[in-house]
Each structure stands twice: as C-alpha cells, then as structure tokens.
Amino acid sequence: MSFHLTSILYFVVLIITLLPQNSDGSLNPKFEACEAKTCGNNQTISYPFYIEGIQEPFCGYPGFGLSCGNDGFPFLNMSNAKYMIHQIFYNNNSMRVSNAVFSTPNTRSSCLRRTHNLTLSGTRLALAPNQRELILLFGCDMHGKNTIGCSEENKTSSVVAMNREDQNLRFSLMNCKGGVVNVTVEDEVRGVQEALRRGFVLIWTVSDCNKCRNSGGKCGFNTDIFSFRCYCPHDTHARKCSQG
C-alpha cells in the first residue's frame, strides 16, 4: 500500500472518530428504550416504574411494572387487586393510590365484590405517615350514611365502611355476615366515600435515581446481576454518567 493511500485511510479513520456522536441516545439502545412514557393522562412513567408491554422491564425495578387503564390512569397490582395510581411524586419517592373498586365517584350505586387486605410485606413499598384504617363490612342488613354500595355476592345486602373508633362498629359487626376487610386511607381526608376514592400514600425504597438523572442518564435495573444501572447516551454506568 502506497504512502499516499495509507495517509488517506488514516485521515478517513480520524475524521470518523472525531465526528460528533448522535445526541439522541441511539448509540445506547437502553438509553433510548427507557424514555419516559404515559398511559394517556400526562402522568410521567419512569424508573422505578415501567409500563408492561410498552417499556422494557430493565427500565424499572423488579415488581414495579404497571398497566394502563382505559381512562388513562396507570394501575399497580398488589395483594391480588388492582390499585389506581392517582399521582406519582418522584421528588420524595411516594405515590397516592386507591383500590380500583373505589376509584370512581359512583360507587354508592354499584355492587362491590369483597376485596383483599393490602399486604406490603416482601415488597419495596411501605405506608407513608398520617394514614388511618377503615373497616369494610360486607353482607350487611342495614343501610345508612356509611353505606358505599351493595354486596356483589348478595345484591340485597350492603357494604358499609366505618372508622375503627366508631361507637357503632360492634353493632354493625353483628349485623354484617359477608366478612370484614381492612382498607387504608389518608388521615386528613374526611368523609368515608371520598377517603376511599382518594386512597392513600405509599413510599418506595429502591436505589436512588437522582445522581443518574442529574448527570443526563436514565435509570434502570439489571436483573442478571440484580443491580441498579445508569443508562447514558453512549454507555452504561453503575451510578451516574461520566462527565466526559
């Protein structure tokens, strides 16, 4: 090979090396794949969450996969029940959720199936402070201000929601034969039906995303090594993107 041809090849390689890399993240497919999405109500879904079937599982933390409802709200499955996510607060790692059974304003005219007690053991979720419990009584032979609907198992009976400290709770337990379920609501919300509709606040404890996000990366998780990953435009790091 002549010196002239060698010089040309050298300069071609040098020019290719010095060309600016694509700024849209395409050089790292995981960076591009983990773009934030929405279910349709303009609520951003990103780490530690991911929308199953729309975003890749490596864009979120294991167990934080969401589904989208027809109304545009994301849903999280917990304790064999669907919980509507009303709002996600990424700044303090919390979200407000409610059981999908109580998430519509017309529950009083609906028949409700018996739900399950919420169980958070073995998850990365916990109840935030300032929550309280309500008692749901199914199969009741009475109606009143705390009646939230009829029982699906027996449409002639009702479902009643009461505070634990209600002085009529003992009497109600004697007149409701369909079982009891504990539900959580925000303490500051008054009115049983409104409290059930608004739900309660959960906090999550997973690897922090701030350092990665602030360095221009997108957070994710590698289940093969069970470790947090920071997907950067051109490579992947353990915590944050390199300043270079």
C-alpha atoms as a PDB file:
ATOM      1  CA  MET A   1       0.000   0.000   0.000  1.00  0.00           C
ATOM      2  CA  SER A   2       1.378   3.338  -1.037  1.00  0.00           C
ATOM      3  CA  PHE A   3       2.135   6.089   1.442  1.00  0.00           C
ATOM      4  CA  HIS A   4      -0.485   8.286  -0.229  1.00  0.00           C
ATOM      5  CA  LEU A   5      -3.290   5.678   0.202  1.00  0.00           C
ATOM      6  CA  THR A   6      -2.221   4.999   3.771  1.00  0.00           C
ATOM      7  CA  SER A   7      -2.440   8.705   4.588  1.00  0.00           C
ATOM      8  CA  ILE A   8      -5.910   8.942   3.071  1.00  0.00           C
ATOM      9  CA  LEU A   9      -7.145   5.952   5.119  1.00  0.00           C
ATOM     10  CA  TYR A  10      -5.614   7.441   8.252  1.00  0.00           C
ATOM     11  CA  PHE A  11      -7.428  10.728   7.787  1.00  0.00           C
ATOM     12  CA  VAL A  12     -10.735   8.956   7.000  1.00  0.00           C
ATOM     13  CA  VAL A  13     -10.497   6.994  10.267  1.00  0.00           C
ATOM     14  CA  LEU A  14      -9.531  10.159  12.149  1.00  0.00           C
ATOM     15  CA  ILE A  15     -12.487  12.105  10.745  1.00  0.00           C
ATOM     16  CA  ILE A  16     -14.931   9.297  11.619  1.00  0.00           C
ATOM     17  CA  THR A  17     -13.530   9.166  15.154  1.00  0.00           C
ATOM     18  CA  LEU A  18     -13.907  12.916  15.625  1.00  0.00           C
ATOM     19  CA  LEU A  19     -17.425  13.170  14.201  1.00  0.00           C
ATOM     20  CA  PRO A  20     -19.963  14.198  16.875  1.00  0.00           C
ATOM     21  CA  GLN A  21     -21.954  11.234  18.166  1.00  0.00           C
ATOM     22  CA  ASN A  22     -25.699  11.196  17.827  1.00  0.00           C
ATOM     23  CA  SER A  23     -27.168  13.187  20.699  1.00  0.00           C
ATOM     24  CA  ASP A  24     -30.500  11.345  20.756  1.00  0.00           C
ATOM     25  CA  GLY A  25     -29.032   8.393  22.658  1.00  0.00           C
ATOM     26  CA  SER A  26     -29.251   5.925  19.756  1.00  0.00           C
ATOM     27  CA  LEU A  27     -25.718   4.665  20.403  1.00  0.00           C
ATOM     28  CA  ASN A  28     -27.007   3.112  23.635  1.00  0.00           C
ATOM     29  CA  PRO A  29     -30.259   1.296  22.868  1.00  0.00           C
ATOM     30  CA  LYS A  30     -31.167   1.029  26.565  1.00  0.00           C
ATOM     31  CA  PHE A  31     -30.879   4.812  26.968  1.00  0.00           C
ATOM     32  CA  GLU A  32     -33.287   5.238  24.080  1.00  0.00           C
ATOM     33  CA  ALA A  33     -35.620   2.454  25.273  1.00  0.00           C
ATOM     34  CA  CYS A  34     -36.040   3.998  28.725  1.00  0.00           C
ATOM     35  CA  GLU A  35     -37.621   7.222  27.533  1.00  0.00           C
ATOM     36  CA  ALA A  36     -40.420   8.224  29.931  1.00  0.00           C
ATOM     37  CA  LYS A  37     -43.937   7.258  28.795  1.00  0.00           C
ATOM     38  CA  THR A  38     -47.509   7.989  29.833  1.00  0.00           C
ATOM     39  CA  CYS A  39     -50.741   5.992  29.986  1.00  0.00           C
ATOM     40  CA  GLY A  40     -52.587   8.945  28.469  1.00  0.00           C
ATOM     41  CA  ASN A  41     -53.317  11.272  31.378  1.00  0.00           C
ATOM     42  CA  ASN A  42     -49.969  13.111  31.119  1.00  0.00           C
ATOM     43  CA  GLN A  43     -48.606  11.355  34.198  1.00  0.00           C
ATOM     44  CA  THR A  44     -44.952  10.530  33.524  1.00  0.00           C
ATOM     45  CA  ILE A  45     -43.958   6.889  33.997  1.00  0.00           C
ATOM     46  CA  SER A  46     -40.251   6.299  34.559  1.00  0.00           C
ATOM     47  CA  TYR A  47     -37.939   4.484  36.982  1.00  0.00           C
ATOM     48  CA  PRO A  48     -38.651   2.725  39.286  1.00  0.00           C
ATOM     49  CA  PHE A  49     -41.839   2.091  37.279  1.00  0.00           C
ATOM     50  CA  TYR A  50     -42.285   0.809  33.754  1.00  0.00           C
ATOM     51  CA  ILE A  51     -45.406   0.139  31.668  1.00  0.00           C
ATOM     52  CA  GLU A  52     -45.609  -3.565  30.869  1.00  0.00           C
ATOM     53  CA  GLY A  53     -45.740  -4.178  27.131  1.00  0.00           C
ATOM     54  CA  ILE A  54     -44.746  -0.585  26.336  1.00  0.00           C
ATOM     55  CA  GLN A  55     -41.486  -0.065  28.226  1.00  0.00           C
ATOM     56  CA  GLU A  56     -38.753  -2.631  28.746  1.00  0.00           C
ATOM     57  CA  PRO A  57     -38.534  -4.308  32.202  1.00  0.00           C
ATOM     58  CA  PHE A  58     -34.898  -3.159  32.516  1.00  0.00           C
ATOM     59  CA  CYS A  59     -36.197   0.443  32.651  1.00  0.00           C
ATOM     60  CA  GLY A  60     -37.762  -0.158  36.068  1.00  0.00           C
ATOM     61  CA  TYR A  61     -37.272  -2.004  39.320  1.00  0.00           C
ATOM     62  CA  PRO A  62     -38.497  -5.644  39.578  1.00  0.00           C
ATOM     63  CA  GLY A  63     -42.098  -5.739  40.755  1.00  0.00           C
ATOM     64  CA  PHE A  64     -42.849  -2.153  39.686  1.00  0.00           C
ATOM     65  CA  GLY A  65     -44.484  -2.997  36.368  1.00  0.00           C
ATOM     66  CA  LEU A  66     -47.675  -1.032  35.666  1.00  0.00           C
ATOM     67  CA  SER A  67     -50.633  -1.476  33.346  1.00  0.00           C
ATOM     68  CA  CYS A  68     -52.710   1.248  31.710  1.00  0.00           C
ATOM     69  CA  GLY A  69     -56.446   1.620  32.263  1.00  0.00           C
ATOM     70  CA  ASN A  70     -58.955   2.785  29.671  1.00  0.00           C
ATOM     71  CA  ASP A  71     -59.238   6.122  31.489  1.00  0.00           C
ATOM     72  CA  GLY A  72     -55.523   6.867  31.092  1.00  0.00           C
ATOM     73  CA  PHE A  73     -54.534   6.083  34.674  1.00  0.00           C
ATOM     74  CA  PRO A  74     -51.745   3.601  35.461  1.00  0.00           C
ATOM     75  CA  PHE A  75     -52.501   0.621  37.698  1.00  0.00           C
ATOM     76  CA  LEU A  76     -50.319  -1.431  40.029  1.00  0.00           C
ATOM     77  CA  ASN A  77     -51.235  -4.975  41.076  1.00  0.00           C
ATOM     78  CA  MET A  78     -50.925  -5.554  44.830  1.00  0.00           C
ATOM     79  CA  SER A  79     -52.447  -8.243  47.056  1.00  0.00           C
ATOM     80  CA  ASN A  80     -54.414  -9.743  44.150  1.00  0.00           C
ATOM     81  CA  ALA A  81     -56.122  -6.416  43.459  1.00  0.00           C
ATOM     82  CA  LYS A  82     -55.650  -3.506  41.057  1.00  0.00           C
ATOM     83  CA  TYR A  83     -54.706  -0.156  42.557  1.00  0.00           C
ATOM     84  CA  MET A  84     -55.145   3.032  40.558  1.00  0.00           C
ATOM     85  CA  ILE A  85     -52.177   5.398  40.749  1.00  0.00           C
ATOM     86  CA  HIS A  86     -53.588   8.905  41.078  1.00  0.00           C
ATOM     87  CA  GLN A  87     -50.235  10.697  41.245  1.00  0.00           C
ATOM     88  CA  ILE A  88     -46.541   9.819  41.464  1.00  0.00           C
ATOM     89  CA  PHE A  89     -44.226  12.116  43.420  1.00  0.00           C
ATOM     90  CA  TYR A  90     -40.724  11.347  42.165  1.00  0.00           C
ATOM     91  CA  ASN A  91     -39.180  14.084  44.313  1.00  0.00           C
ATOM     92  CA  ASN A  92     -39.894  12.215  47.565  1.00  0.00           C
ATOM     93  CA  ASN A  93     -40.393   8.630  46.317  1.00  0.00           C
ATOM     94  CA  SER A  94     -44.111   8.412  47.015  1.00  0.00           C
ATOM     95  CA  MET A  95     -47.415   7.912  45.217  1.00  0.00           C
ATOM     96  CA  ARG A  96     -51.098   8.167  46.025  1.00  0.00           C
ATOM     97  CA  VAL A  97     -53.132   5.086  45.106  1.00  0.00           C
ATOM     98  CA  SER A  98     -56.583   3.671  45.693  1.00  0.00           C
ATOM     99  CA  ASN A  99     -58.214   0.311  45.197  1.00  0.00           C
ATOM    100  CA  ALA A 100     -59.761   0.335  41.717  1.00  0.00           C
ATOM    101  CA  VAL A 101     -63.068  -0.788  43.250  1.00  0.00           C
ATOM    102  CA  PHE A 102     -63.409   2.609  44.971  1.00  0.00           C
ATOM    103  CA  SER A 103     -61.808   4.852  42.371  1.00  0.00           C
ATOM    104  CA  THR A 104     -64.973   6.080  40.674  1.00  0.00           C
ATOM    105  CA  PRO A 105     -67.376   8.589  42.219  1.00  0.00           C
ATOM    106  CA  ASN A 106     -70.499   6.439  41.669  1.00  0.00           C
ATOM    107  CA  THR A 107     -69.594   3.532  43.953  1.00  0.00           C
ATOM    108  CA  ARG A 108     -72.741   4.128  46.046  1.00  0.00           C
ATOM    109  CA  SER A 109     -74.848   2.776  43.187  1.00  0.00           C
ATOM    110  CA  SER A 110     -72.518  -0.141  42.479  1.00  0.00           C
ATOM    111  CA  CYS A 111     -72.351  -3.657  43.877  1.00  0.00           C
ATOM    112  CA  LEU A 112     -68.894  -4.367  45.268  1.00  0.00           C
ATOM    113  CA  ARG A 113     -67.093  -7.661  45.446  1.00  0.00           C
ATOM    114  CA  ARG A 114     -65.126  -8.437  48.551  1.00  0.00           C
ATOM    115  CA  THR A 115     -61.581  -7.100  48.296  1.00  0.00           C
ATOM    116  CA  HIS A 116     -58.390  -8.307  49.970  1.00  0.00           C
ATOM    117  CA  ASN A 117     -56.445  -6.802  52.832  1.00  0.00           C
ATOM    118  CA  LEU A 118     -53.427  -4.929  51.498  1.00  0.00           C
ATOM    119  CA  THR A 119     -50.167  -6.775  52.194  1.00  0.00           C
ATOM    120  CA  LEU A 120     -46.874  -4.973  51.627  1.00  0.00           C
ATOM    121  CA  SER A 121     -44.515  -7.488  53.227  1.00  0.00           C
ATOM    122  CA  GLY A 122     -41.850  -8.679  50.805  1.00  0.00           C
ATOM    123  CA  THR A 123     -42.191  -5.557  48.654  1.00  0.00           C
ATOM    124  CA  ARG A 124     -40.236  -2.313  48.406  1.00  0.00           C
ATOM    125  CA  LEU A 125     -43.353  -0.363  49.369  1.00  0.00           C
ATOM    126  CA  ALA A 126     -44.492   0.977  52.735  1.00  0.00           C
ATOM    127  CA  LEU A 127     -47.303   3.146  54.061  1.00  0.00           C
ATOM    128  CA  ALA A 128     -46.470   6.823  54.412  1.00  0.00           C
ATOM    129  CA  PRO A 129     -47.160   8.587  57.744  1.00  0.00           C
ATOM    130  CA  ASN A 130     -50.590  10.073  58.535  1.00  0.00           C
ATOM    131  CA  GLN A 131     -52.688   7.182  57.275  1.00  0.00           C
ATOM    132  CA  ARG A 132     -55.630   5.532  59.002  1.00  0.00           C
ATOM    133  CA  GLU A 133     -57.617   2.343  58.609  1.00  0.00           C
ATOM    134  CA  LEU A 134     -61.265   1.909  57.702  1.00  0.00           C
ATOM    135  CA  ILE A 135     -63.263  -1.263  58.252  1.00  0.00           C
ATOM    136  CA  LEU A 136     -65.316  -2.556  55.325  1.00  0.00           C
ATOM    137  CA  LEU A 137     -68.200  -4.806  56.314  1.00  0.00           C
ATOM    138  CA  PHE A 138     -69.820  -6.943  53.615  1.00  0.00           C
ATOM    139  CA  GLY A 139     -73.228  -8.605  53.593  1.00  0.00           C
ATOM    140  CA  CYS A 140     -74.887  -6.071  55.901  1.00  0.00           C
ATOM    141  CA  ASP A 141     -78.646  -5.963  56.586  1.00  0.00           C
ATOM    142  CA  MET A 142     -78.631  -2.213  57.194  1.00  0.00           C
ATOM    143  CA  HIS A 143     -78.257   0.999  55.236  1.00  0.00           C
ATOM    144  CA  GLY A 144     -77.052   4.411  56.322  1.00  0.00           C
ATOM    145  CA  LYS A 145     -74.644   7.257  55.661  1.00  0.00           C
ATOM    146  CA  ASN A 146     -71.664   4.867  55.634  1.00  0.00           C
ATOM    147  CA  THR A 147     -73.177   2.529  53.036  1.00  0.00           C
ATOM    148  CA  ILE A 148     -70.973   2.549  49.942  1.00  0.00           C
ATOM    149  CA  GLY A 149     -72.853   0.049  47.793  1.00  0.00           C
ATOM    150  CA  CYS A 150     -74.428  -3.387  47.688  1.00  0.00           C
ATOM    151  CA  SER A 151     -72.581  -6.689  48.097  1.00  0.00           C
ATOM    152  CA  GLU A 152     -71.860  -8.428  44.793  1.00  0.00           C
ATOM    153  CA  GLU A 153     -72.418 -11.837  46.412  1.00  0.00           C
ATOM    154  CA  ASN A 154     -75.844 -10.792  47.678  1.00  0.00           C
ATOM    155  CA  LYS A 155     -77.236  -7.699  45.995  1.00  0.00           C
ATOM    156  CA  THR A 156     -79.940  -7.239  48.611  1.00  0.00           C
ATOM    157  CA  SER A 157     -77.311  -6.676  51.302  1.00  0.00           C
ATOM    158  CA  SER A 158     -74.996  -3.678  51.609  1.00  0.00           C
ATOM    159  CA  VAL A 159     -71.338  -2.824  52.102  1.00  0.00           C
ATOM    160  CA  VAL A 160     -70.607  -0.468  54.989  1.00  0.00           C
ATOM    161  CA  ALA A 161     -67.361   1.430  55.682  1.00  0.00           C
ATOM    162  CA  MET A 162     -66.606   2.568  59.232  1.00  0.00           C
ATOM    163  CA  ASN A 163     -63.785   4.038  61.259  1.00  0.00           C
ATOM    164  CA  ARG A 164     -62.223   1.784  63.853  1.00  0.00           C
ATOM    165  CA  GLU A 165     -63.203   4.172  66.624  1.00  0.00           C
ATOM    166  CA  ASP A 166     -66.863   4.345  65.550  1.00  0.00           C
ATOM    167  CA  GLN A 167     -69.026   3.531  68.569  1.00  0.00           C
ATOM    168  CA  ASN A 168     -71.456   1.602  66.349  1.00  0.00           C
ATOM    169  CA  LEU A 169     -68.804  -0.738  64.957  1.00  0.00           C
ATOM    170  CA  ARG A 170     -69.592  -3.603  67.340  1.00  0.00           C
ATOM    171  CA  PHE A 171     -73.297  -3.473  66.495  1.00  0.00           C
ATOM    172  CA  SER A 172     -72.509  -3.407  62.786  1.00  0.00           C
ATOM    173  CA  LEU A 173     -70.226  -6.441  63.042  1.00  0.00           C
ATOM    174  CA  MET A 174     -73.156  -8.403  64.458  1.00  0.00           C
ATOM    175  CA  ASN A 175     -75.373  -7.467  61.523  1.00  0.00           C
ATOM    176  CA  CYS A 176     -72.926  -7.994  58.648  1.00  0.00           C
ATOM    177  CA  LYS A 177     -72.306 -11.597  57.594  1.00  0.00           C
ATOM    178  CA  GLY A 178     -70.198 -11.204  54.459  1.00  0.00           C
ATOM    179  CA  GLY A 179     -66.765 -10.710  56.004  1.00  0.00           C
ATOM    180  CA  VAL A 180     -64.538  -7.831  57.018  1.00  0.00           C
ATOM    181  CA  VAL A 181     -61.709  -6.133  55.093  1.00  0.00           C
ATOM    182  CA  ASN A 182     -59.261  -3.504  56.366  1.00  0.00           C
ATOM    183  CA  VAL A 183     -58.501  -0.625  53.983  1.00  0.00           C
ATOM    184  CA  THR A 184     -56.154   2.347  54.354  1.00  0.00           C
ATOM    185  CA  VAL A 185     -56.960   5.994  53.617  1.00  0.00           C
ATOM    186  CA  GLU A 186     -55.286   9.353  54.141  1.00  0.00           C
ATOM    187  CA  ASP A 187     -55.938  10.653  57.630  1.00  0.00           C
ATOM    188  CA  GLU A 188     -56.631  14.227  56.504  1.00  0.00           C
ATOM    189  CA  VAL A 189     -59.496  13.283  54.174  1.00  0.00           C
ATOM    190  CA  ARG A 190     -62.908  13.390  55.855  1.00  0.00           C
ATOM    191  CA  GLY A 191     -65.950  11.573  54.582  1.00  0.00           C
ATOM    192  CA  VAL A 192     -65.789   7.806  54.112  1.00  0.00           C
ATOM    193  CA  GLN A 193     -66.588   7.648  50.408  1.00  0.00           C
ATOM    194  CA  GLU A 194     -64.256  10.500  49.484  1.00  0.00           C
ATOM    195  CA  ALA A 195     -61.473   8.931  51.566  1.00  0.00           C
ATOM    196  CA  LEU A 196     -61.898   5.604  49.781  1.00  0.00           C
ATOM    197  CA  ARG A 197     -61.886   7.303  46.389  1.00  0.00           C
ATOM    198  CA  ARG A 198     -58.738   9.323  47.117  1.00  0.00           C
ATOM    199  CA  GLY A 199     -56.956   6.333  48.619  1.00  0.00           C
ATOM    200  CA  PHE A 200     -53.676   6.550  50.485  1.00  0.00           C
ATOM    201  CA  VAL A 201     -49.966   7.272  50.086  1.00  0.00           C
ATOM    202  CA  LEU A 202     -47.200   4.708  49.630  1.00  0.00           C
ATOM    203  CA  ILE A 203     -43.470   5.302  49.691  1.00  0.00           C
ATOM    204  CA  TRP A 204     -40.906   3.191  47.856  1.00  0.00           C
ATOM    205  CA  THR A 205     -37.363   2.303  48.853  1.00  0.00           C
ATOM    206  CA  VAL A 206     -35.204   1.359  45.879  1.00  0.00           C
ATOM    207  CA  SER A 207     -31.867   2.585  44.524  1.00  0.00           C
ATOM    208  CA  ASP A 208     -31.881   6.358  44.186  1.00  0.00           C
ATOM    209  CA  CYS A 209     -32.143   7.733  40.643  1.00  0.00           C
ATOM    210  CA  ASN A 210     -31.172  11.372  41.252  1.00  0.00           C
ATOM    211  CA  LYS A 211     -27.432  11.128  40.532  1.00  0.00           C
ATOM    212  CA  CYS A 212     -28.043   9.303  37.277  1.00  0.00           C
ATOM    213  CA  ARG A 213     -30.868  11.604  36.180  1.00  0.00           C
ATOM    214  CA  ASN A 214     -28.943  14.759  37.060  1.00  0.00           C
ATOM    215  CA  SER A 215     -25.956  13.568  35.027  1.00  0.00           C
ATOM    216  CA  GLY A 216     -28.094  13.150  31.913  1.00  0.00           C
ATOM    217  CA  GLY A 217     -28.759   9.431  32.232  1.00  0.00           C
ATOM    218  CA  LYS A 218     -31.854   7.269  32.526  1.00  0.00           C
ATOM    219  CA  CYS A 219     -32.256   4.878  35.408  1.00  0.00           C
ATOM    220  CA  GLY A 220     -32.834   1.160  35.126  1.00  0.00           C
ATOM    221  CA  PHE A 221     -32.099  -2.202  36.666  1.00  0.00           C
ATOM    222  CA  ASN A 222     -30.148  -5.256  35.526  1.00  0.00           C
ATOM    223  CA  THR A 223     -31.845  -8.376  36.878  1.00  0.00           C
ATOM    224  CA  ASP A 224     -28.949 -10.623  35.765  1.00  0.00           C
ATOM    225  CA  ILE A 225     -26.648  -9.038  38.338  1.00  0.00           C
ATOM    226  CA  PHE A 226     -29.550  -7.606  40.385  1.00  0.00           C
ATOM    227  CA  SER A 227     -28.094  -4.133  40.393  1.00  0.00           C
ATOM    228  CA  PHE A 228     -29.075  -0.550  39.574  1.00  0.00           C
ATOM    229  CA  ARG A 229     -27.842   0.728  36.206  1.00  0.00           C
ATOM    230  CA  CYS A 230     -27.494   4.240  34.795  1.00  0.00           C
ATOM    231  CA  TYR A 231     -28.070   4.209  31.033  1.00  0.00           C
ATOM    232  CA  CYS A 232     -26.150   7.081  29.474  1.00  0.00           C
ATOM    233  CA  PRO A 233     -26.267   8.287  25.839  1.00  0.00           C
ATOM    234  CA  HIS A 234     -23.201   6.268  24.834  1.00  0.00           C
ATOM    235  CA  ASP A 235     -22.592   3.730  27.623  1.00  0.00           C
ATOM    236  CA  THR A 236     -23.855   2.346  30.925  1.00  0.00           C
ATOM    237  CA  HIS A 237     -22.577   3.109  34.421  1.00  0.00           C
ATOM    238  CA  ALA A 238     -23.251   1.917  37.953  1.00  0.00           C
ATOM    239  CA  ARG A 239     -24.450   5.246  39.382  1.00  0.00           C
ATOM    240  CA  LYS A 240     -24.154   8.227  37.023  1.00  0.00           C
ATOM    241  CA  CYS A 241     -22.889   9.249  33.607  1.00  0.00           C
ATOM    242  CA  SER A 242     -19.267  10.244  33.264  1.00  0.00           C
ATOM    243  CA  GLN A 243     -18.604  13.930  32.793  1.00  0.00           C
ATOM    244  CA  GLY A 244     -16.596  13.259  29.650  1.00  0.00           C
END
